[in-house]
Amino acid sequence: MKARLAASAVLALGLAIGATGCSMVTYQATTEHYDASDGVSVTVGDLDLRNILVVSEDGVDGNLVMTVVNTGDDDQTLKIEAGSATQELEVAANETVVLGGEETEPLLLEGIDAEVGGLTPIFFQYASEEGIEKQIPVLDDRLYPGLAP
């Protein structure tokens, strides 16, 4: 009787491991970060830049749309270089700044010389942190009415 009980326990354990163990070796897509929107994201030191995109009608001048989150304890000045222009943005410690939306001030990028529907390189940097150049999508205002300059 003891042998039968032990065999049943081993069989039950084997079934439990076999039925649930498949997730141990399977790729888990939910652990990968991705941008589930039109924009792209980048992190520069303590600054998290989220959903970055440019809205433009002609590809020459554009409205930079993004959210900047300062996760640090110090105020920072973010430098943004696009085309022939350099812009600066003050971001207070532990604060979030939303740019380019319907209810916020636009950050105009002039002379970006990008094709609408394509990508344009924009460089982000602050203080002594190493900067990052990212290819940012340039979209027209069909999905973003009223945001083009």
N, C-alpha and C. Protein backbone atom coordinates (compact mmCIF):
# COMPACT_ATOMS: atom_id res chain seq x y z
N MET A 1 0.81 -1.19 0.00
CA MET A 1 0.00 0.00 0.00
C MET A 1 0.86 1.26 0.00
N LYS A 2 1.98 1.21 0.78
CA LYS A 2 2.85 2.37 0.84
C LYS A 2 3.49 2.64 -0.52
N ALA A 3 3.84 1.57 -1.23
CA ALA A 3 4.46 1.73 -2.55
C ALA A 3 3.48 2.36 -3.52
N ARG A 4 2.24 1.98 -3.43
CA ARG A 4 1.21 2.54 -4.31
C ARG A 4 1.00 4.03 -4.01
N LEU A 5 0.99 4.39 -2.73
CA LEU A 5 0.83 5.78 -2.32
C LEU A 5 2.03 6.62 -2.79
N ALA A 6 3.23 6.07 -2.63
CA ALA A 6 4.43 6.77 -3.07
C ALA A 6 4.43 6.95 -4.59
N ALA A 7 4.03 5.91 -5.32
CA ALA A 7 3.97 6.00 -6.79
C ALA A 7 2.95 7.04 -7.23
N SER A 8 1.82 7.11 -6.53
CA SER A 8 0.80 8.11 -6.86
C SER A 8 1.31 9.53 -6.60
N ALA A 9 2.04 9.70 -5.50
CA ALA A 9 2.60 11.02 -5.18
C ALA A 9 3.63 11.44 -6.23
N VAL A 10 4.49 10.51 -6.63
CA VAL A 10 5.50 10.81 -7.66
C VAL A 10 4.82 11.14 -8.98
N LEU A 11 3.80 10.38 -9.34
CA LEU A 11 3.06 10.64 -10.58
C LEU A 11 2.39 12.01 -10.53
N ALA A 12 1.77 12.36 -9.41
CA ALA A 12 1.11 13.66 -9.27
C ALA A 12 2.13 14.79 -9.36
N LEU A 13 3.28 14.61 -8.72
CA LEU A 13 4.33 15.62 -8.78
C LEU A 13 4.85 15.77 -10.21
N GLY A 14 5.04 14.66 -10.90
CA GLY A 14 5.49 14.71 -12.29
C GLY A 14 4.50 15.41 -13.19
N LEU A 15 3.22 15.15 -13.00
CA LEU A 15 2.18 15.83 -13.78
C LEU A 15 2.15 17.33 -13.49
N ALA A 16 2.28 17.69 -12.22
CA ALA A 16 2.27 19.11 -11.85
C ALA A 16 3.45 19.85 -12.46
N ILE A 17 4.62 19.25 -12.41
CA ILE A 17 5.80 19.88 -13.01
C ILE A 17 5.66 19.96 -14.52
N GLY A 18 5.18 18.90 -15.12
CA GLY A 18 5.00 18.88 -16.58
C GLY A 18 3.97 19.87 -17.07
N ALA A 19 2.91 20.04 -16.30
CA ALA A 19 1.83 20.93 -16.73
C ALA A 19 2.15 22.41 -16.50
N THR A 20 2.95 22.70 -15.51
CA THR A 20 3.23 24.11 -15.20
C THR A 20 4.64 24.53 -15.58
N GLY A 21 5.50 23.62 -15.84
CA GLY A 21 6.90 23.94 -16.12
C GLY A 21 7.16 24.54 -17.48
N CYS A 22 6.19 24.51 -18.38
CA CYS A 22 6.44 25.01 -19.73
C CYS A 22 6.75 26.51 -19.71
N SER A 23 6.25 27.22 -18.74
CA SER A 23 6.52 28.66 -18.70
C SER A 23 7.93 28.96 -18.20
N MET A 24 8.61 27.96 -17.70
CA MET A 24 9.97 28.18 -17.22
C MET A 24 10.94 28.40 -18.38
N VAL A 25 10.66 27.83 -19.53
CA VAL A 25 11.58 27.94 -20.66
C VAL A 25 11.00 28.76 -21.80
N THR A 26 9.77 29.17 -21.69
CA THR A 26 9.12 29.92 -22.76
C THR A 26 9.48 31.40 -22.66
N TYR A 27 9.74 32.03 -23.79
CA TYR A 27 10.02 33.47 -23.85
C TYR A 27 8.81 34.24 -23.34
N GLN A 28 9.03 35.19 -22.45
CA GLN A 28 7.95 35.98 -21.87
C GLN A 28 7.99 37.38 -22.46
N ALA A 29 7.12 37.64 -23.41
CA ALA A 29 7.10 38.93 -24.10
C ALA A 29 6.74 40.08 -23.19
N THR A 30 6.04 39.80 -22.11
CA THR A 30 5.63 40.88 -21.22
C THR A 30 6.78 41.47 -20.42
N THR A 31 7.94 40.84 -20.46
CA THR A 31 9.09 41.39 -19.74
C THR A 31 9.88 42.37 -20.60
N GLU A 32 9.55 42.50 -21.86
CA GLU A 32 10.24 43.41 -22.77
C GLU A 32 9.58 44.78 -22.77
N HIS A 33 10.39 45.84 -22.68
CA HIS A 33 9.87 47.20 -22.78
C HIS A 33 9.66 47.54 -24.26
N TYR A 34 8.54 48.15 -24.56
CA TYR A 34 8.30 48.64 -25.91
C TYR A 34 7.43 49.88 -25.82
N ASP A 35 7.46 50.68 -26.87
CA ASP A 35 6.65 51.90 -26.92
C ASP A 35 5.35 51.56 -27.62
N ALA A 36 4.28 51.59 -26.88
CA ALA A 36 2.97 51.21 -27.41
C ALA A 36 2.23 52.42 -27.96
N SER A 37 2.97 53.32 -28.58
CA SER A 37 2.36 54.54 -29.11
C SER A 37 3.13 54.94 -30.36
N ASP A 38 2.81 56.11 -30.89
CA ASP A 38 3.51 56.59 -32.09
C ASP A 38 4.92 57.06 -31.78
N GLY A 39 5.14 57.54 -30.57
CA GLY A 39 6.42 58.10 -30.19
C GLY A 39 7.40 57.05 -29.70
N VAL A 40 8.61 57.52 -29.40
CA VAL A 40 9.66 56.66 -28.86
C VAL A 40 10.05 57.19 -27.49
N SER A 41 10.77 56.39 -26.73
CA SER A 41 11.19 56.79 -25.39
C SER A 41 12.69 56.63 -25.26
N VAL A 42 13.27 57.42 -24.36
CA VAL A 42 14.70 57.37 -24.10
C VAL A 42 14.92 57.85 -22.67
N THR A 43 15.97 57.34 -22.04
CA THR A 43 16.34 57.79 -20.70
C THR A 43 17.73 58.40 -20.76
N VAL A 44 17.85 59.61 -20.23
CA VAL A 44 19.13 60.30 -20.14
C VAL A 44 19.36 60.59 -18.66
N GLY A 45 20.21 59.81 -18.01
CA GLY A 45 20.46 60.00 -16.58
C GLY A 45 19.17 59.87 -15.78
N ASP A 46 18.83 60.95 -15.05
CA ASP A 46 17.62 60.96 -14.22
C ASP A 46 16.39 61.42 -14.99
N LEU A 47 16.53 61.72 -16.26
CA LEU A 47 15.40 62.21 -17.04
C LEU A 47 14.86 61.09 -17.93
N ASP A 48 13.58 60.78 -17.76
CA ASP A 48 12.89 59.82 -18.61
C ASP A 48 12.07 60.60 -19.62
N LEU A 49 12.37 60.46 -20.90
CA LEU A 49 11.65 61.14 -21.97
C LEU A 49 10.74 60.12 -22.62
N ARG A 50 9.44 60.38 -22.62
CA ARG A 50 8.46 59.40 -23.05
C ARG A 50 7.61 59.91 -24.21
N ASN A 51 7.24 58.98 -25.09
CA ASN A 51 6.35 59.25 -26.22
C ASN A 51 6.79 60.47 -27.03
N ILE A 52 8.05 60.48 -27.45
CA ILE A 52 8.61 61.61 -28.19
C ILE A 52 8.23 61.49 -29.66
N LEU A 53 7.66 62.56 -30.20
CA LEU A 53 7.38 62.64 -31.64
C LEU A 53 7.34 64.10 -32.05
N VAL A 54 7.45 64.32 -33.35
CA VAL A 54 7.38 65.66 -33.92
C VAL A 54 6.16 65.72 -34.82
N VAL A 55 5.33 66.76 -34.63
CA VAL A 55 4.17 66.97 -35.49
C VAL A 55 4.50 68.13 -36.41
N SER A 56 4.41 67.88 -37.72
CA SER A 56 4.79 68.88 -38.71
C SER A 56 3.91 68.76 -39.95
N GLU A 57 3.63 69.89 -40.57
CA GLU A 57 2.88 69.86 -41.83
C GLU A 57 3.80 69.77 -43.03
N ASP A 58 4.99 70.36 -42.92
CA ASP A 58 5.87 70.46 -44.08
C ASP A 58 7.23 69.79 -43.90
N GLY A 59 7.56 69.31 -42.70
CA GLY A 59 8.85 68.69 -42.47
C GLY A 59 9.98 69.67 -42.25
N VAL A 60 9.68 70.96 -42.27
CA VAL A 60 10.70 71.99 -42.03
C VAL A 60 10.67 72.45 -40.58
N ASP A 61 9.48 72.80 -40.11
CA ASP A 61 9.28 73.20 -38.72
C ASP A 61 8.35 72.20 -38.06
N GLY A 62 8.61 71.89 -36.79
CA GLY A 62 7.78 70.91 -36.12
C GLY A 62 7.56 71.24 -34.66
N ASN A 63 6.51 70.68 -34.11
CA ASN A 63 6.18 70.79 -32.70
C ASN A 63 6.64 69.51 -32.01
N LEU A 64 7.57 69.64 -31.06
CA LEU A 64 8.06 68.48 -30.33
C LEU A 64 7.05 68.13 -29.24
N VAL A 65 6.52 66.91 -29.30
CA VAL A 65 5.54 66.43 -28.33
C VAL A 65 6.21 65.34 -27.51
N MET A 66 6.21 65.51 -26.18
CA MET A 66 6.81 64.49 -25.32
C MET A 66 6.48 64.78 -23.86
N THR A 67 6.76 63.81 -23.02
CA THR A 67 6.64 63.95 -21.57
C THR A 67 8.02 63.70 -20.98
N VAL A 68 8.46 64.62 -20.11
CA VAL A 68 9.76 64.49 -19.46
C VAL A 68 9.52 64.29 -17.96
N VAL A 69 10.08 63.22 -17.42
CA VAL A 69 9.94 62.92 -15.99
C VAL A 69 11.33 63.00 -15.36
N ASN A 70 11.49 63.90 -14.40
CA ASN A 70 12.75 64.02 -13.67
C ASN A 70 12.64 63.14 -12.43
N THR A 71 13.34 62.02 -12.42
CA THR A 71 13.29 61.09 -11.29
C THR A 71 14.34 61.40 -10.24
N GLY A 72 15.15 62.43 -10.49
CA GLY A 72 16.21 62.79 -9.56
C GLY A 72 15.78 63.83 -8.54
N ASP A 73 16.68 64.14 -7.63
CA ASP A 73 16.42 65.10 -6.57
C ASP A 73 16.91 66.51 -6.89
N ASP A 74 17.45 66.71 -8.09
CA ASP A 74 17.96 68.02 -8.50
C ASP A 74 17.22 68.52 -9.72
N ASP A 75 17.03 69.85 -9.79
CA ASP A 75 16.48 70.47 -11.00
C ASP A 75 17.48 70.26 -12.14
N GLN A 76 16.97 70.08 -13.36
CA GLN A 76 17.84 69.87 -14.51
C GLN A 76 17.39 70.74 -15.68
N THR A 77 18.35 71.06 -16.55
CA THR A 77 18.07 71.77 -17.79
C THR A 77 18.38 70.82 -18.93
N LEU A 78 17.34 70.36 -19.61
CA LEU A 78 17.48 69.44 -20.73
C LEU A 78 17.79 70.24 -21.99
N LYS A 79 18.85 69.85 -22.68
CA LYS A 79 19.22 70.48 -23.95
C LYS A 79 18.73 69.58 -25.07
N ILE A 80 18.03 70.19 -26.03
CA ILE A 80 17.45 69.46 -27.16
C ILE A 80 18.01 70.07 -28.44
N GLU A 81 18.72 69.27 -29.23
CA GLU A 81 19.29 69.74 -30.49
C GLU A 81 18.62 69.01 -31.64
N ALA A 82 17.99 69.79 -32.52
CA ALA A 82 17.33 69.22 -33.70
C ALA A 82 17.51 70.18 -34.86
N GLY A 83 17.96 69.66 -35.98
CA GLY A 83 18.17 70.52 -37.14
C GLY A 83 19.19 71.59 -36.80
N SER A 84 18.85 72.83 -37.09
CA SER A 84 19.76 73.94 -36.84
C SER A 84 19.50 74.63 -35.51
N ALA A 85 18.59 74.11 -34.71
CA ALA A 85 18.19 74.79 -33.48
C ALA A 85 18.54 73.98 -32.24
N THR A 86 18.80 74.71 -31.16
CA THR A 86 18.99 74.11 -29.85
C THR A 86 18.00 74.76 -28.89
N GLN A 87 17.27 73.94 -28.18
CA GLN A 87 16.29 74.42 -27.20
C GLN A 87 16.70 73.92 -25.83
N GLU A 88 16.29 74.66 -24.80
CA GLU A 88 16.53 74.23 -23.43
C GLU A 88 15.22 74.17 -22.68
N LEU A 89 15.10 73.19 -21.81
CA LEU A 89 13.87 72.98 -21.05
C LEU A 89 14.23 72.75 -19.59
N GLU A 90 13.65 73.56 -18.71
CA GLU A 90 13.86 73.41 -17.27
C GLU A 90 12.90 72.34 -16.74
N VAL A 91 13.45 71.38 -15.99
CA VAL A 91 12.64 70.32 -15.40
C VAL A 91 12.97 70.25 -13.91
N ALA A 92 12.00 70.58 -13.07
CA ALA A 92 12.21 70.58 -11.63
C ALA A 92 12.38 69.15 -11.11
N ALA A 93 13.04 69.05 -9.96
CA ALA A 93 13.27 67.74 -9.33
C ALA A 93 11.95 67.04 -9.05
N ASN A 94 11.92 65.74 -9.35
CA ASN A 94 10.75 64.90 -9.09
C ASN A 94 9.47 65.44 -9.71
N GLU A 95 9.58 66.09 -10.84
CA GLU A 95 8.42 66.67 -11.52
C GLU A 95 8.29 66.08 -12.93
N THR A 96 7.11 66.27 -13.51
CA THR A 96 6.82 65.84 -14.88
C THR A 96 6.43 67.05 -15.70
N VAL A 97 7.01 67.17 -16.89
CA VAL A 97 6.70 68.26 -17.81
C VAL A 97 6.14 67.65 -19.09
N VAL A 98 4.98 68.13 -19.51
CA VAL A 98 4.36 67.67 -20.76
C VAL A 98 4.52 68.78 -21.78
N LEU A 99 5.04 68.44 -22.95
CA LEU A 99 5.29 69.42 -24.01
C LEU A 99 4.45 69.14 -25.23
N GLY A 100 4.05 70.21 -25.90
CA GLY A 100 3.46 70.11 -27.22
C GLY A 100 2.04 69.65 -27.31
N GLY A 101 1.37 69.41 -26.20
CA GLY A 101 -0.02 68.97 -26.23
C GLY A 101 -0.97 70.13 -26.45
N GLU A 102 -2.24 69.83 -26.48
CA GLU A 102 -3.26 70.85 -26.73
C GLU A 102 -3.30 71.90 -25.63
N GLU A 103 -3.02 71.51 -24.40
CA GLU A 103 -3.13 72.43 -23.27
C GLU A 103 -1.77 72.88 -22.75
N THR A 104 -0.70 72.61 -23.49
CA THR A 104 0.64 72.98 -23.04
C THR A 104 1.32 73.83 -24.10
N GLU A 105 2.40 74.47 -23.70
CA GLU A 105 3.17 75.29 -24.62
C GLU A 105 3.88 74.40 -25.65
N PRO A 106 3.87 74.80 -26.90
CA PRO A 106 4.61 74.02 -27.90
C PRO A 106 6.11 74.30 -27.79
N LEU A 107 6.90 73.31 -28.12
CA LEU A 107 8.34 73.48 -28.23
C LEU A 107 8.64 73.36 -29.71
N LEU A 108 8.82 74.49 -30.37
CA LEU A 108 8.98 74.50 -31.82
C LEU A 108 10.41 74.19 -32.22
N LEU A 109 10.54 73.28 -33.15
CA LEU A 109 11.83 72.94 -33.75
C LEU A 109 11.83 73.51 -35.15
N GLU A 110 12.76 74.40 -35.42
CA GLU A 110 12.81 75.04 -36.73
C GLU A 110 13.97 74.48 -37.54
N GLY A 111 13.74 74.30 -38.83
CA GLY A 111 14.78 73.84 -39.73
C GLY A 111 15.18 72.39 -39.54
N ILE A 112 14.23 71.53 -39.22
CA ILE A 112 14.58 70.12 -39.00
C ILE A 112 14.80 69.36 -40.30
N ASP A 113 14.23 69.85 -41.40
CA ASP A 113 14.44 69.26 -42.72
C ASP A 113 14.21 67.74 -42.69
N ALA A 114 13.00 67.35 -42.34
CA ALA A 114 12.64 65.94 -42.26
C ALA A 114 11.42 65.67 -43.11
N GLU A 115 11.32 64.46 -43.60
CA GLU A 115 10.15 64.07 -44.38
C GLU A 115 9.04 63.64 -43.44
N VAL A 116 7.84 64.18 -43.65
CA VAL A 116 6.70 63.77 -42.84
C VAL A 116 6.44 62.28 -43.09
N GLY A 117 6.33 61.52 -42.04
CA GLY A 117 6.21 60.07 -42.13
C GLY A 117 7.54 59.37 -41.94
N GLY A 118 8.60 60.15 -41.87
CA GLY A 118 9.94 59.59 -41.68
C GLY A 118 10.45 59.82 -40.27
N LEU A 119 11.76 59.82 -40.15
CA LEU A 119 12.43 60.01 -38.86
C LEU A 119 13.39 61.17 -38.95
N THR A 120 13.60 61.84 -37.82
CA THR A 120 14.58 62.91 -37.76
C THR A 120 15.44 62.70 -36.51
N PRO A 121 16.76 62.92 -36.61
CA PRO A 121 17.61 62.73 -35.43
C PRO A 121 17.48 63.92 -34.48
N ILE A 122 17.30 63.63 -33.21
CA ILE A 122 17.26 64.66 -32.17
C ILE A 122 18.19 64.21 -31.05
N PHE A 123 19.00 65.16 -30.56
CA PHE A 123 19.99 64.89 -29.52
C PHE A 123 19.48 65.45 -28.20
N PHE A 124 19.49 64.62 -27.14
CA PHE A 124 19.03 65.02 -25.81
C PHE A 124 20.20 64.89 -24.83
N GLN A 125 20.40 65.94 -23.98
CA GLN A 125 21.51 65.90 -23.04
C GLN A 125 21.27 66.90 -21.92
N TYR A 126 21.79 66.64 -20.73
CA TYR A 126 21.76 67.63 -19.66
C TYR A 126 23.00 67.49 -18.79
N ALA A 127 23.41 68.62 -18.21
CA ALA A 127 24.55 68.70 -17.30
C ALA A 127 25.73 67.90 -17.85
N SER A 128 26.32 67.07 -17.02
CA SER A 128 27.48 66.29 -17.45
C SER A 128 27.10 64.88 -17.90
N GLU A 129 25.81 64.60 -17.96
CA GLU A 129 25.35 63.29 -18.43
C GLU A 129 25.67 63.11 -19.90
N GLU A 130 25.99 61.88 -20.29
CA GLU A 130 26.22 61.59 -21.70
C GLU A 130 24.90 61.72 -22.45
N GLY A 131 24.93 62.45 -23.55
CA GLY A 131 23.73 62.66 -24.34
C GLY A 131 23.41 61.47 -25.22
N ILE A 132 22.19 61.47 -25.74
CA ILE A 132 21.72 60.40 -26.61
C ILE A 132 21.05 61.01 -27.83
N GLU A 133 21.44 60.53 -29.02
CA GLU A 133 20.75 60.92 -30.24
C GLU A 133 19.77 59.80 -30.59
N LYS A 134 18.54 60.19 -30.85
CA LYS A 134 17.49 59.20 -31.13
C LYS A 134 16.77 59.60 -32.41
N GLN A 135 16.38 58.62 -33.21
CA GLN A 135 15.58 58.86 -34.41
C GLN A 135 14.12 59.01 -33.98
N ILE A 136 13.56 60.19 -34.20
CA ILE A 136 12.22 60.52 -33.72
C ILE A 136 11.25 60.56 -34.90
N PRO A 137 10.07 59.94 -34.78
CA PRO A 137 9.10 59.98 -35.88
C PRO A 137 8.55 61.38 -36.10
N VAL A 138 8.39 61.72 -37.38
CA VAL A 138 7.79 63.00 -37.79
C VAL A 138 6.43 62.67 -38.41
N LEU A 139 5.37 63.15 -37.78
CA LEU A 139 4.01 62.83 -38.22
C LEU A 139 3.27 64.10 -38.59
N ASP A 140 2.27 63.96 -39.47
CA ASP A 140 1.43 65.12 -39.78
C ASP A 140 0.35 65.23 -38.72
N ASP A 141 -0.54 66.20 -38.89
CA ASP A 141 -1.53 66.45 -37.83
C ASP A 141 -2.85 65.71 -38.04
N ARG A 142 -2.88 64.69 -38.89
CA ARG A 142 -4.12 63.94 -39.07
C ARG A 142 -4.55 63.24 -37.78
N LEU A 143 -3.60 62.67 -37.08
CA LEU A 143 -3.91 62.03 -35.80
C LEU A 143 -3.70 62.97 -34.62
N TYR A 144 -3.10 64.10 -34.89
CA TYR A 144 -2.81 65.09 -33.85
C TYR A 144 -3.30 66.46 -34.30
N PRO A 145 -4.61 66.61 -34.46
CA PRO A 145 -5.13 67.88 -34.99
C PRO A 145 -4.82 69.05 -34.07
N GLY A 146 -4.39 70.14 -34.69
CA GLY A 146 -4.10 71.36 -33.95
C GLY A 146 -2.73 71.41 -33.32
N LEU A 147 -1.91 70.38 -33.48
CA LEU A 147 -0.59 70.38 -32.85
C LEU A 147 0.53 70.80 -33.79
N ALA A 148 0.28 70.83 -35.09
CA ALA A 148 1.32 71.25 -36.03
C ALA A 148 1.52 72.76 -35.92
N PRO A 149 2.76 73.23 -36.09
CA PRO A 149 3.01 74.68 -35.98
C PRO A 149 2.40 75.46 -37.13
